[in-house]
Amino acid sequence: MFHEFRDIISEIKHKDQHFQRLFDKHNALDEEITMLEKEHANQFDIETKKKEKLKLKDEIYTILVNHKKD
């Protein structure tokens, strides 16, 4: 995710616990969605998790862009 921001992500993760939690939650949801898809789980549950993951991704991106401006 956001390979072009790899250095900035590493820097922010060390400085900002909120960002670290967002990043970790996003990765955990990614793994959970993959598992649910492999198990052919309820599509509603999968879509709900995907929406939550997308919301986190948007928040992470906003933080990255704002940091890059500074």
N, C-alpha and C. Protein backbone atom coordinates (compact mmCIF):
# COMPACT_ATOMS: atom_id res chain seq x y z
N MET A 1 0.84 -1.18 0.00
CA MET A 1 0.00 0.00 0.00
C MET A 1 0.88 1.24 0.00
N PHE A 2 0.61 2.13 -0.92
CA PHE A 2 1.31 3.42 -1.01
C PHE A 2 2.83 3.25 -1.06
N HIS A 3 3.29 2.47 -1.99
CA HIS A 3 4.72 2.21 -2.12
C HIS A 3 5.54 3.48 -2.33
N GLU A 4 4.92 4.47 -2.97
CA GLU A 4 5.63 5.72 -3.22
C GLU A 4 5.86 6.51 -1.94
N PHE A 5 5.15 6.14 -0.87
CA PHE A 5 5.29 6.82 0.42
C PHE A 5 6.04 5.98 1.45
N ARG A 6 6.72 4.95 1.00
CA ARG A 6 7.35 3.98 1.92
C ARG A 6 8.21 4.65 3.00
N ASP A 7 9.06 5.59 2.60
CA ASP A 7 9.94 6.27 3.57
C ASP A 7 9.15 7.12 4.55
N ILE A 8 8.16 7.83 4.03
CA ILE A 8 7.33 8.68 4.89
C ILE A 8 6.53 7.83 5.87
N ILE A 9 6.00 6.71 5.40
CA ILE A 9 5.23 5.81 6.27
C ILE A 9 6.09 5.34 7.42
N SER A 10 7.29 4.91 7.12
CA SER A 10 8.21 4.45 8.16
C SER A 10 8.47 5.55 9.18
N GLU A 11 8.70 6.75 8.69
CA GLU A 11 8.98 7.88 9.58
C GLU A 11 7.77 8.20 10.47
N ILE A 12 6.60 8.27 9.87
CA ILE A 12 5.40 8.62 10.64
C ILE A 12 5.05 7.52 11.64
N LYS A 13 5.22 6.27 11.26
CA LYS A 13 4.90 5.16 12.17
C LYS A 13 5.70 5.26 13.46
N HIS A 14 6.92 5.75 13.38
CA HIS A 14 7.76 5.86 14.57
C HIS A 14 7.38 7.05 15.43
N LYS A 15 6.76 8.06 14.83
CA LYS A 15 6.45 9.29 15.54
C LYS A 15 5.01 9.39 16.02
N ASP A 16 4.09 8.71 15.35
CA ASP A 16 2.67 8.92 15.58
C ASP A 16 1.96 7.59 15.88
N GLN A 17 1.56 7.42 17.13
CA GLN A 17 0.91 6.16 17.53
C GLN A 17 -0.44 5.99 16.85
N HIS A 18 -1.16 7.09 16.65
CA HIS A 18 -2.45 7.01 15.97
C HIS A 18 -2.27 6.47 14.55
N PHE A 19 -1.28 6.99 13.83
CA PHE A 19 -0.99 6.52 12.49
C PHE A 19 -0.60 5.04 12.51
N GLN A 20 0.21 4.66 13.47
CA GLN A 20 0.63 3.26 13.61
C GLN A 20 -0.58 2.34 13.80
N ARG A 21 -1.52 2.77 14.64
CA ARG A 21 -2.74 1.97 14.88
C ARG A 21 -3.57 1.86 13.61
N LEU A 22 -3.72 2.97 12.89
CA LEU A 22 -4.47 2.95 11.62
C LEU A 22 -3.83 1.98 10.64
N PHE A 23 -2.53 2.08 10.51
CA PHE A 23 -1.78 1.23 9.58
C PHE A 23 -1.92 -0.24 9.96
N ASP A 24 -1.75 -0.55 11.23
CA ASP A 24 -1.87 -1.93 11.70
C ASP A 24 -3.29 -2.47 11.51
N LYS A 25 -4.29 -1.64 11.80
CA LYS A 25 -5.69 -2.06 11.64
C LYS A 25 -5.98 -2.33 10.16
N HIS A 26 -5.46 -1.48 9.28
CA HIS A 26 -5.65 -1.68 7.84
C HIS A 26 -5.06 -3.02 7.40
N ASN A 27 -3.85 -3.31 7.85
CA ASN A 27 -3.21 -4.58 7.48
C ASN A 27 -3.95 -5.78 8.06
N ALA A 28 -4.44 -5.64 9.29
CA ALA A 28 -5.20 -6.73 9.92
C ALA A 28 -6.49 -6.99 9.15
N LEU A 29 -7.16 -5.93 8.73
CA LEU A 29 -8.39 -6.09 7.94
C LEU A 29 -8.09 -6.75 6.60
N ASP A 30 -6.99 -6.39 5.99
CA ASP A 30 -6.59 -7.00 4.72
C ASP A 30 -6.45 -8.51 4.88
N GLU A 31 -5.78 -8.92 5.93
CA GLU A 31 -5.60 -10.36 6.19
C GLU A 31 -6.94 -11.03 6.50
N GLU A 32 -7.78 -10.35 7.27
CA GLU A 32 -9.08 -10.91 7.63
C GLU A 32 -9.96 -11.07 6.39
N ILE A 33 -9.95 -10.08 5.51
CA ILE A 33 -10.74 -10.15 4.28
C ILE A 33 -10.26 -11.31 3.42
N THR A 34 -8.97 -11.46 3.29
CA THR A 34 -8.42 -12.57 2.50
C THR A 34 -8.89 -13.91 3.06
N MET A 35 -8.84 -14.04 4.38
CA MET A 35 -9.28 -15.28 5.02
C MET A 35 -10.78 -15.52 4.78
N LEU A 36 -11.58 -14.48 4.95
CA LEU A 36 -13.03 -14.61 4.75
C LEU A 36 -13.35 -15.01 3.31
N GLU A 37 -12.63 -14.43 2.36
CA GLU A 37 -12.86 -14.77 0.95
C GLU A 37 -12.48 -16.22 0.67
N LYS A 38 -11.41 -16.69 1.26
CA LYS A 38 -10.99 -18.09 1.06
C LYS A 38 -12.02 -19.05 1.65
N GLU A 39 -12.65 -18.63 2.74
CA GLU A 39 -13.65 -19.47 3.41
C GLU A 39 -15.05 -19.29 2.82
N HIS A 40 -15.16 -18.45 1.79
CA HIS A 40 -16.45 -18.17 1.15
C HIS A 40 -17.48 -17.70 2.18
N ALA A 41 -17.06 -16.77 3.01
CA ALA A 41 -17.92 -16.24 4.07
C ALA A 41 -19.02 -15.37 3.45
N ASN A 42 -19.89 -14.93 4.31
CA ASN A 42 -21.00 -14.07 3.93
C ASN A 42 -20.48 -12.83 3.21
N GLN A 43 -21.00 -12.55 2.02
CA GLN A 43 -20.53 -11.42 1.22
C GLN A 43 -20.80 -10.08 1.89
N PHE A 44 -21.87 -10.00 2.65
CA PHE A 44 -22.16 -8.76 3.38
C PHE A 44 -21.06 -8.46 4.38
N ASP A 45 -20.61 -9.48 5.10
CA ASP A 45 -19.53 -9.31 6.06
C ASP A 45 -18.23 -8.87 5.37
N ILE A 46 -17.96 -9.49 4.25
CA ILE A 46 -16.75 -9.15 3.50
C ILE A 46 -16.81 -7.70 3.00
N GLU A 47 -17.95 -7.31 2.45
CA GLU A 47 -18.10 -5.94 1.94
C GLU A 47 -18.01 -4.92 3.07
N THR A 48 -18.54 -5.25 4.22
CA THR A 48 -18.46 -4.34 5.38
C THR A 48 -17.00 -4.14 5.77
N LYS A 49 -16.24 -5.22 5.81
CA LYS A 49 -14.81 -5.14 6.15
C LYS A 49 -14.04 -4.34 5.09
N LYS A 50 -14.40 -4.54 3.83
CA LYS A 50 -13.73 -3.81 2.75
C LYS A 50 -14.00 -2.30 2.86
N LYS A 51 -15.21 -1.94 3.21
CA LYS A 51 -15.54 -0.52 3.37
C LYS A 51 -14.77 0.09 4.54
N GLU A 52 -14.66 -0.67 5.62
CA GLU A 52 -13.89 -0.20 6.77
C GLU A 52 -12.42 -0.02 6.39
N LYS A 53 -11.90 -0.98 5.64
CA LYS A 53 -10.51 -0.92 5.20
C LYS A 53 -10.28 0.28 4.28
N LEU A 54 -11.21 0.54 3.39
CA LEU A 54 -11.10 1.68 2.48
C LEU A 54 -11.14 3.00 3.26
N LYS A 55 -11.97 3.07 4.26
CA LYS A 55 -12.03 4.28 5.09
C LYS A 55 -10.68 4.52 5.78
N LEU A 56 -10.08 3.46 6.30
CA LEU A 56 -8.76 3.57 6.92
C LEU A 56 -7.72 4.01 5.90
N LYS A 57 -7.80 3.43 4.71
CA LYS A 57 -6.84 3.77 3.66
C LYS A 57 -6.94 5.26 3.30
N ASP A 58 -8.16 5.76 3.21
CA ASP A 58 -8.36 7.18 2.94
C ASP A 58 -7.77 8.05 4.04
N GLU A 59 -7.97 7.64 5.28
CA GLU A 59 -7.43 8.40 6.40
C GLU A 59 -5.90 8.37 6.40
N ILE A 60 -5.34 7.22 6.11
CA ILE A 60 -3.88 7.09 6.04
C ILE A 60 -3.34 7.98 4.91
N TYR A 61 -4.00 7.94 3.77
CA TYR A 61 -3.55 8.75 2.63
C TYR A 61 -3.59 10.24 2.97
N THR A 62 -4.63 10.67 3.63
CA THR A 62 -4.74 12.08 4.03
C THR A 62 -3.58 12.48 4.92
N ILE A 63 -3.25 11.64 5.87
CA ILE A 63 -2.12 11.91 6.77
C ILE A 63 -0.82 12.00 5.97
N LEU A 64 -0.63 11.08 5.04
CA LEU A 64 0.59 11.07 4.23
C LEU A 64 0.72 12.32 3.37
N VAL A 65 -0.35 12.71 2.74
CA VAL A 65 -0.32 13.89 1.88
C VAL A 65 -0.06 15.14 2.72
N ASN A 66 -0.72 15.24 3.85
CA ASN A 66 -0.50 16.40 4.72
C ASN A 66 0.94 16.45 5.26
N HIS A 67 1.48 15.29 5.56
CA HIS A 67 2.85 15.23 6.04
C HIS A 67 3.82 15.64 4.93
N LYS A 68 3.54 15.20 3.72
CA LYS A 68 4.42 15.51 2.60
C LYS A 68 4.41 17.01 2.31
N LYS A 69 3.29 17.69 2.54
CA LYS A 69 3.20 19.14 2.34
C LYS A 69 4.09 19.90 3.31
N ASP A 70 4.21 19.36 4.52
CA ASP A 70 5.00 20.03 5.58
C ASP A 70 6.45 19.94 5.36
